[in-house]
Protein backbone atom coordinates (compact mmCIF):
# COMPACT_ATOMS: atom_id res chain seq x y z
CA MET A 1 0.00 0.00 0.00
CA ARG A 2 1.39 3.39 -0.96
CA LYS A 3 2.04 5.90 1.78
CA THR A 4 0.10 9.11 1.41
CA ILE A 5 -0.06 12.69 2.64
CA GLY A 6 -3.73 13.50 2.77
CA LYS A 7 -5.13 11.66 -0.25
CA LEU A 8 -2.00 12.01 -2.39
CA PRO A 9 0.93 9.55 -2.61
CA ILE A 10 4.02 10.71 -0.73
CA ALA A 11 5.96 9.82 -3.90
CA LEU A 12 4.54 12.99 -5.50
CA PHE A 13 6.13 15.09 -2.78
CA ALA A 14 9.43 13.27 -3.18
CA ILE A 15 9.43 14.26 -6.86
CA GLY A 16 8.36 17.79 -5.82
CA THR A 17 11.38 17.97 -3.51
CA GLY A 18 13.59 17.23 -6.49
CA GLY A 19 11.79 20.02 -8.35
CA PHE A 20 12.44 22.34 -5.40
CA GLY A 21 16.17 21.62 -5.51
CA ILE A 22 16.32 22.12 -9.27
CA GLY A 23 14.38 25.38 -8.91
CA LEU A 24 16.83 26.60 -6.29
CA THR A 25 19.70 25.92 -8.67
CA GLU A 26 17.96 27.88 -11.41
CA PHE A 27 16.85 30.92 -9.36
CA ALA A 28 19.37 31.28 -6.50
CA ILE A 29 22.21 32.16 -8.88
CA VAL A 30 20.59 35.56 -9.58
CA GLY A 31 21.52 37.01 -6.21
CA LEU A 32 25.01 35.50 -6.28
CA LEU A 33 26.32 36.73 -9.64
CA PRO A 34 28.07 39.87 -8.28
CA ASN A 35 29.94 37.80 -5.67
CA ILE A 36 30.88 35.11 -8.17
CA ALA A 37 32.04 37.67 -10.78
CA ARG A 38 34.20 39.37 -8.17
CA ASP A 39 35.76 36.14 -6.84
CA PHE A 40 36.63 34.86 -10.33
CA SER A 41 37.53 38.33 -11.66
CA VAL A 42 35.18 38.07 -14.64
CA SER A 43 32.94 40.71 -16.19
CA THR A 44 29.25 40.99 -15.43
CA ALA A 45 28.45 39.91 -18.99
CA ARG A 46 30.63 36.80 -18.68
CA SER A 47 29.13 35.89 -15.31
CA GLY A 48 25.75 35.97 -17.04
CA LEU A 49 26.80 32.81 -18.89
CA LEU A 50 26.00 30.96 -15.67
CA VAL A 51 22.36 31.84 -16.33
CA SER A 52 22.13 31.71 -20.13
CA MET A 53 24.14 28.48 -20.52
CA TYR A 54 21.99 26.90 -17.83
CA ALA A 55 18.81 27.76 -19.76
CA LEU A 56 20.27 26.45 -23.03
CA SER A 57 21.38 23.22 -21.35
CA VAL A 58 17.89 22.73 -19.89
CA ALA A 59 16.40 22.87 -23.37
CA ILE A 60 19.02 20.46 -24.74
CA GLY A 61 18.71 18.04 -21.83
CA GLY A 62 14.92 18.15 -21.95
CA ILE A 63 15.05 16.51 -25.36
CA PHE A 64 18.32 14.59 -25.78
CA ILE A 65 18.70 13.24 -22.24
CA THR A 66 15.06 12.17 -22.30
CA VAL A 67 15.62 10.38 -25.62
CA SER A 68 18.51 8.40 -24.15
CA VAL A 69 16.61 7.12 -21.09
CA THR A 70 13.12 6.33 -22.39
CA LYS A 71 13.77 2.56 -22.31
CA TYR A 72 14.65 2.35 -18.64
CA ASP A 73 12.80 2.04 -15.34
CA ARG A 74 11.59 5.57 -14.60
CA LYS A 75 12.38 5.34 -10.89
CA LYS A 76 16.01 4.50 -11.67
CA VAL A 77 16.07 7.28 -14.26
CA LEU A 78 14.83 9.86 -11.74
CA MET A 79 17.42 8.69 -9.22
CA SER A 80 20.19 8.90 -11.83
CA LEU A 81 19.10 12.41 -12.79
CA MET A 82 19.21 13.43 -9.12
CA LEU A 83 22.75 12.06 -8.87
CA LEU A 84 23.67 14.16 -11.92
CA PHE A 85 22.05 17.17 -10.26
CA ILE A 86 23.98 16.64 -7.01
CA ALA A 87 27.26 16.20 -8.90
CA GLY A 88 26.72 19.39 -10.92
CA ASN A 89 26.08 21.50 -7.83
CA LEU A 90 29.06 20.03 -5.99
CA ILE A 91 31.26 20.90 -8.99
CA SER A 92 29.94 24.48 -8.88
CA GLY A 93 30.42 24.67 -5.13
CA VAL A 94 34.09 23.60 -5.14
CA ALA A 95 35.13 25.08 -8.51
CA LYS A 96 38.48 26.86 -8.51
CA THR A 97 37.95 28.57 -11.85
CA PHE A 98 35.00 30.17 -13.60
CA ASP A 99 35.14 27.65 -16.47
CA VAL A 100 34.88 24.72 -14.05
CA MET A 101 31.91 26.37 -12.36
CA LEU A 102 30.27 26.83 -15.75
CA ILE A 103 30.74 23.10 -16.39
CA GLY A 104 29.01 22.41 -13.07
CA ARG A 105 26.08 24.60 -14.10
CA VAL A 106 25.75 22.78 -17.42
CA VAL A 107 25.88 19.37 -15.71
CA SER A 108 23.15 20.30 -13.21
CA ALA A 109 21.03 21.86 -15.98
CA LEU A 110 21.11 18.77 -18.18
CA CYS A 111 18.98 16.90 -15.65
CA HIS A 112 16.41 19.73 -15.33
CA GLY A 113 14.27 19.16 -18.43
CA ALA A 114 14.46 15.37 -18.31
CA PHE A 115 13.59 15.27 -14.59
CA PHE A 116 10.44 17.35 -15.02
CA GLY A 117 9.50 15.63 -18.28
CA ILE A 118 9.80 12.10 -16.90
CA GLY A 119 8.58 13.21 -13.47
CA ALA A 120 5.34 14.40 -15.05
CA VAL A 121 4.77 10.98 -16.61
CA VAL A 122 5.45 9.27 -13.28
CA ALA A 123 3.26 11.75 -11.38
CA ILE A 124 0.12 11.16 -13.43
CA GLY A 125 0.65 7.41 -13.13
CA LEU A 126 0.43 7.67 -9.35
CA VAL A 127 -3.08 9.13 -9.21
CA ALA A 128 -6.58 8.63 -10.59
CA SER A 129 -7.40 10.16 -13.97
CA ASP A 130 -9.35 13.03 -12.39
CA ARG A 131 -6.33 14.18 -10.35
CA LYS A 132 -3.65 14.34 -13.02
CA GLY A 133 -3.55 18.13 -13.04
CA THR A 134 -3.17 18.22 -9.26
CA ALA A 135 -0.34 15.68 -9.46
CA ILE A 136 1.57 17.71 -12.04
CA SER A 137 1.00 20.93 -10.07
CA ILE A 138 2.59 19.28 -7.01
CA MET A 139 5.60 18.32 -9.11
CA PHE A 140 5.84 21.91 -10.37
CA GLY A 141 5.07 23.09 -6.81
CA GLY A 142 8.67 22.52 -5.79
CA LEU A 143 9.74 24.81 -8.62
CA THR A 144 7.28 27.51 -7.56
CA VAL A 145 8.39 27.36 -3.91
CA ALA A 146 11.95 27.75 -5.16
CA ASN A 147 10.80 30.79 -7.12
CA VAL A 148 9.57 32.31 -3.86
CA LEU A 149 12.60 31.36 -1.77
CA GLY A 150 15.41 30.92 -4.29
CA VAL A 151 16.79 34.45 -4.60
CA PRO A 152 16.51 35.51 -0.92
CA PHE A 153 17.68 32.08 0.30
CA GLY A 154 20.68 31.98 -2.01
CA THR A 155 21.57 35.61 -1.36
CA TRP A 156 21.35 35.18 2.43
CA LEU A 157 23.58 32.10 2.40
CA GLY A 158 26.05 33.79 0.06
CA GLN A 159 26.28 36.92 2.20
CA ASN A 160 26.73 35.03 5.45
CA PHE A 161 28.68 31.92 4.50
CA GLY A 162 30.02 32.59 0.99
CA TRP A 163 28.37 31.80 -2.33
CA ARG A 164 29.85 28.29 -2.39
CA SER A 165 27.71 27.34 0.60
CA THR A 166 24.58 27.88 -1.50
CA PHE A 167 25.54 25.18 -3.98
CA ILE A 168 26.67 22.79 -1.26
CA THR A 169 23.32 23.27 0.50
CA ILE A 170 21.40 22.72 -2.75
CA SER A 171 23.34 19.47 -3.18
CA GLY A 172 22.00 18.48 0.23
CA VAL A 173 18.45 19.13 -0.98
CA GLY A 174 19.25 16.83 -3.90
CA VAL A 175 20.31 14.09 -1.49
CA VAL A 176 17.00 14.40 0.40
CA ALA A 177 15.08 14.17 -2.90
CA LEU A 178 17.18 11.18 -3.97
CA MET A 179 16.33 9.33 -0.75
CA GLY A 180 12.64 10.23 -1.10
CA ILE A 181 12.52 8.89 -4.66
CA PHE A 182 14.37 5.72 -3.59
CA LEU A 183 11.99 5.07 -0.69
CA TYR A 184 8.62 6.11 -2.09
CA VAL A 185 8.52 6.19 -5.88
CA PRO A 186 7.48 2.74 -7.13
CA SER A 187 9.51 0.93 -9.76
CA ASP A 188 7.86 0.24 -13.09
CA SER A 189 5.96 -3.03 -13.28
CA PRO A 190 7.14 -5.49 -15.95
CA GLU A 191 4.10 -4.55 -18.04
CA ALA A 192 4.74 -0.82 -17.68
CA LEU A 193 8.43 -1.24 -18.42
CA LYS A 194 7.61 -3.20 -21.56
CA SER A 195 5.13 -0.55 -22.69
CA HIS A 196 7.65 2.32 -22.58
CA SER A 197 10.85 0.41 -23.36
CA ARG A 198 10.25 0.87 -27.05
CA SER A 199 12.59 2.52 -29.50
CA VAL A 200 13.24 6.23 -29.84
CA LYS A 201 11.55 5.91 -33.22
CA TYR A 202 8.36 4.88 -31.43
CA GLU A 203 8.57 7.88 -29.08
CA LEU A 204 9.05 10.16 -32.07
CA GLN A 205 5.70 9.00 -33.44
CA ALA A 206 4.05 11.35 -30.96
CA PHE A 207 5.31 14.25 -33.06
CA LYS A 208 3.19 13.10 -35.99
CA GLN A 209 0.26 14.50 -34.04
CA ARG A 210 -0.38 18.12 -35.00
CA GLN A 211 -1.87 18.79 -31.58
CA VAL A 212 1.46 17.91 -29.93
CA TRP A 213 3.12 20.69 -31.97
CA PHE A 214 0.27 23.06 -31.16
CA SER A 215 0.75 22.25 -27.47
CA LEU A 216 4.48 23.01 -27.65
CA LEU A 217 3.77 26.36 -29.35
CA ILE A 218 1.15 27.23 -26.73
CA THR A 219 3.77 26.59 -24.05
CA ILE A 220 6.44 28.64 -25.84
CA PHE A 221 4.18 31.65 -26.40
CA GLY A 222 2.28 31.39 -23.12
CA PHE A 223 5.37 31.27 -20.95
CA GLY A 224 7.39 33.48 -23.27
CA GLY A 225 4.83 36.15 -22.39
CA MET A 226 5.06 35.65 -18.65
CA PHE A 227 8.86 35.48 -18.52
CA GLY A 228 9.20 38.28 -21.04
CA GLY A 229 7.41 40.58 -18.63
CA PHE A 230 9.15 39.20 -15.54
CA THR A 231 12.75 39.35 -16.81
CA TYR A 232 12.82 43.16 -16.70
CA ILE A 233 10.31 43.63 -13.91
CA ALA A 234 12.88 45.21 -11.57
CA PHE A 235 13.42 48.03 -14.09
CA THR A 236 9.67 48.47 -14.57
CA LEU A 237 8.97 48.67 -10.85
CA THR A 238 11.83 51.03 -10.02
CA GLU A 239 11.99 53.24 -13.11
CA VAL A 240 8.28 53.41 -13.99
CA SER A 241 6.33 52.57 -10.84
CA GLY A 242 8.73 54.45 -8.54
CA PHE A 243 9.43 51.69 -6.01
CA ALA A 244 12.72 51.88 -4.15
CA GLU A 245 15.32 49.25 -4.99
CA SER A 246 15.29 48.17 -1.34
CA THR A 247 11.69 46.98 -1.74
CA MET A 248 12.50 44.57 -4.58
CA PRO A 249 12.97 41.46 -2.38
CA ILE A 250 9.51 41.99 -0.88
CA LEU A 251 7.92 42.66 -4.26
CA LEU A 252 9.53 39.58 -5.81
CA PHE A 253 8.42 37.54 -2.81
CA LEU A 254 4.82 38.67 -3.43
CA PHE A 255 5.20 37.72 -7.09
CA GLY A 256 6.46 34.30 -6.01
CA ILE A 257 3.48 33.82 -3.70
CA GLY A 258 1.26 34.57 -6.70
CA VAL A 259 3.13 31.96 -8.76
CA PHE A 260 2.61 29.36 -6.02
CA ILE A 261 -1.12 30.09 -5.78
CA GLY A 262 -1.56 30.06 -9.55
CA ASN A 263 0.22 26.73 -9.91
CA PHE A 264 -1.88 25.12 -7.17
CA TYR A 265 -5.28 26.24 -8.38
CA GLY A 266 -4.31 25.92 -12.05
CA GLY A 267 -3.74 22.19 -11.51
CA LYS A 268 -7.16 21.79 -9.90
CA ALA A 269 -8.82 23.75 -12.71
CA ALA A 270 -7.11 21.55 -15.30
CA ASP A 271 -8.59 18.48 -13.61
CA ARG A 272 -12.09 19.93 -13.96
CA ASN A 273 -11.84 21.10 -17.59
CA LEU A 274 -8.45 21.09 -19.28
CA ASN A 275 -9.16 23.24 -22.31
CA ARG A 276 -11.20 25.80 -20.41
CA ALA A 277 -8.51 26.10 -17.72
CA ILE A 278 -5.80 26.87 -20.29
CA THR A 279 -8.01 29.26 -22.27
CA VAL A 280 -9.21 31.23 -19.25
CA SER A 281 -5.78 31.54 -17.63
CA LEU A 282 -4.06 32.68 -20.84
CA SER A 283 -6.88 35.14 -21.62
CA LEU A 284 -6.69 36.64 -18.14
CA LEU A 285 -2.89 36.77 -18.33
CA PHE A 286 -3.13 38.76 -21.56
CA ALA A 287 -5.62 41.17 -19.90
CA VAL A 288 -3.42 41.57 -16.82
CA LEU A 289 -0.30 42.29 -18.89
CA VAL A 290 -2.16 45.00 -20.82
CA PHE A 291 -3.51 46.42 -17.54
CA PHE A 292 -0.04 46.35 -15.99
CA ALA A 293 1.53 48.08 -19.02
CA LEU A 294 -1.11 50.81 -18.98
CA THR A 295 -0.98 51.47 -15.22
CA ALA A 296 2.65 50.71 -14.33
CA ASN A 297 3.22 54.32 -13.27
CA ASN A 298 0.76 53.84 -10.38
CA LYS A 299 2.22 51.93 -7.41
CA VAL A 300 -1.05 50.34 -6.29
CA CYS A 301 -1.96 49.21 -9.80
CA ALA A 302 1.60 47.99 -10.41
CA LEU A 303 1.48 45.90 -7.23
CA ILE A 304 -1.85 44.39 -8.28
CA GLY A 305 -0.49 43.72 -11.77
CA LEU A 306 2.65 42.11 -10.38
CA ILE A 307 0.81 39.68 -8.13
CA LEU A 308 -1.79 38.79 -10.77
CA MET A 309 0.97 38.26 -13.33
CA GLY A 310 2.46 35.71 -10.94
CA VAL A 311 -0.87 33.98 -10.34
CA LEU A 312 -1.92 33.81 -13.99
CA GLY A 313 1.56 33.37 -15.44
CA PHE A 314 1.97 29.91 -13.90
CA ALA A 315 -1.70 28.87 -13.72
CA PRO A 316 -1.55 27.15 -17.16
CA ALA A 317 1.62 25.15 -16.31
CA ALA A 318 -0.03 21.89 -15.30
CA GLY A 319 -2.64 22.25 -18.05
CA VAL A 320 -0.21 22.67 -20.95
CA GLN A 321 1.88 19.77 -19.63
CA MET A 322 -1.25 17.60 -19.48
CA ARG A 323 -2.28 18.71 -22.97
CA VAL A 324 0.92 17.63 -24.68
CA MET A 325 0.93 14.30 -22.82
CA HIS A 326 -2.73 13.72 -23.70
CA TYR A 327 -2.10 14.07 -27.43
CA ALA A 328 1.17 12.13 -27.25
CA LYS A 329 -0.94 9.21 -25.89
CA ASP A 330 1.13 6.00 -25.73
CA ALA A 331 4.48 7.76 -26.23
CA PRO A 332 4.36 10.68 -23.79
CA THR A 333 7.88 10.67 -22.36
CA LEU A 334 9.80 12.46 -25.11
CA ALA A 335 6.89 14.83 -25.79
CA SER A 336 6.76 15.66 -22.09
CA GLY A 337 10.49 16.44 -22.07
CA ALA A 338 10.09 18.54 -25.21
CA ASN A 339 7.40 20.58 -23.47
CA ILE A 340 9.73 21.28 -20.54
CA ALA A 341 12.30 22.46 -23.08
CA SER A 342 9.57 24.67 -24.57
CA PHE A 343 9.21 26.50 -21.26
CA ASN A 344 12.85 27.56 -21.52
CA ILE A 345 12.61 28.38 -25.22
CA GLY A 346 9.70 30.67 -24.34
CA ASN A 347 11.76 32.18 -21.54
CA THR A 348 14.58 32.94 -23.98
CA ILE A 349 12.30 34.42 -26.65
CA GLY A 350 10.35 36.53 -24.14
CA ALA A 351 13.49 37.92 -22.53
CA TRP A 352 15.09 38.66 -25.91
CA LEU A 353 12.03 40.49 -27.24
CA GLY A 354 11.60 42.49 -24.03
CA GLY A 355 15.24 43.53 -24.20
CA LEU A 356 14.83 44.49 -27.85
CA PHE A 357 11.88 46.74 -27.00
CA ILE A 358 13.97 48.47 -24.31
CA SER A 359 16.90 48.90 -26.71
CA LEU A 360 14.54 50.66 -29.11
CA ASN A 361 14.00 53.30 -26.40
CA LEU A 362 10.36 52.34 -25.92
CA GLY A 363 10.65 52.61 -22.14
CA TYR A 364 10.67 50.14 -19.26
CA SER A 365 6.98 49.37 -19.66
CA ALA A 366 7.71 48.05 -23.14
CA PRO A 367 8.54 44.47 -22.03
CA LEU A 368 5.01 44.22 -20.65
CA TRP A 369 3.62 45.14 -24.07
CA SER A 370 5.86 42.61 -25.82
CA ALA A 371 4.81 40.03 -23.21
CA ALA A 372 1.15 40.77 -23.92
CA GLY A 373 1.81 40.33 -27.65
CA ILE A 374 3.48 36.96 -27.17
CA THR A 375 0.65 35.82 -24.87
CA PHE A 376 -1.85 36.84 -27.54
CA LEU A 377 0.00 34.55 -29.97
CA SER A 378 -0.55 31.68 -27.53
CA LEU A 379 -4.29 32.41 -27.55
CA VAL A 380 -4.35 32.49 -31.35
CA THR A 381 -2.47 29.18 -31.44
CA LEU A 382 -4.90 27.65 -28.93
CA PHE A 383 -7.87 28.91 -30.97
CA ILE A 384 -6.49 27.36 -34.18
CA ALA A 385 -5.72 24.11 -32.37
CA ASN A 386 -9.24 23.89 -30.94
CA LEU A 387 -10.72 24.77 -34.33
CA GLY A 388 -8.85 21.84 -35.83
CA GLU A 389 -10.20 19.51 -33.16
CA SER A 390 -13.76 20.77 -33.67
CA SER A 391 -13.49 20.17 -37.43
CA LYS A 392 -12.22 16.65 -36.82
CA GLU A 393 -15.15 15.87 -34.51
CA LYS A 394 -17.68 16.99 -37.15
CA GLN A 395 -16.21 14.74 -39.81
């Protein structure tokens, strides 16, 4: 009999702990870059490679690492990915040169996409069909908690014990997650192992489904919008809204709380009606981004916009992950990993376009407008995808 917390298997929370550790690795670096750049005597731009190379490696790992492990027992795969994660953070924590630290970041990032992609498949297999969205939201919940705590936690450790202590501590979180997965995540049954131990060619068949590609585009545009607005939010809040720089930790904490709430309730909404949950959350996100862009010069409105952007920005996360896995059907693993990669592709596109708008001297509210535009593209894509499904049903 599986051990539970409430009505949910404790295995879900073990996977969520792994997500928490991975999220810390992704977000905590932000507050440490000045210290790392100073210690290694590198420029600010070069230190930024620790962020950009991480994101690129997530996208690569989400596809190619997933491809290489689809045949194996998913419990063992998750444990192996956690070992890779621990090793990468230990390399970063003890690195004597910047290049070695960059290698550590790449190693830890390679497990990111595959862990969430395969973890999503495992998560929905642990629960009844009407709780799949909730299961995925718990897996992503670790990531959202890390979003809330990552920057202040990493910065506090770095300031008090040196930036290396942050990566050593994150490695410890990885060890806890590894033990949780070992103890509570069930191994694949012989039947289940046989069903997914097919060739990569079989997994690639999922991409013959147009709706899988539509789902990936919805993820890219939907989260490209959210991250496009968030990447430059500090400039918007200080230069346009008039908040003091000293208030940024509190404001980002409130944003993170919004992300946590949106992820939790977004998963429940996806369980009730998947398509409606995605449509409503993306529509409201578009409206909030427009509202935020129009009223960013008012502190009260900016605060409301910030929190709602957090809530609605992550509300579709479980839903879009469920959508791609639904249409991938019997070969969901690679498609699931590809969707995790799509989150980071969206992040890259959103940040690039927001930066372009700023470079064109359109002001620090401009990234919110570009974010709204990208989010609108996700709605158009969703509309076309649903139109195609409706036409198919009538035939």
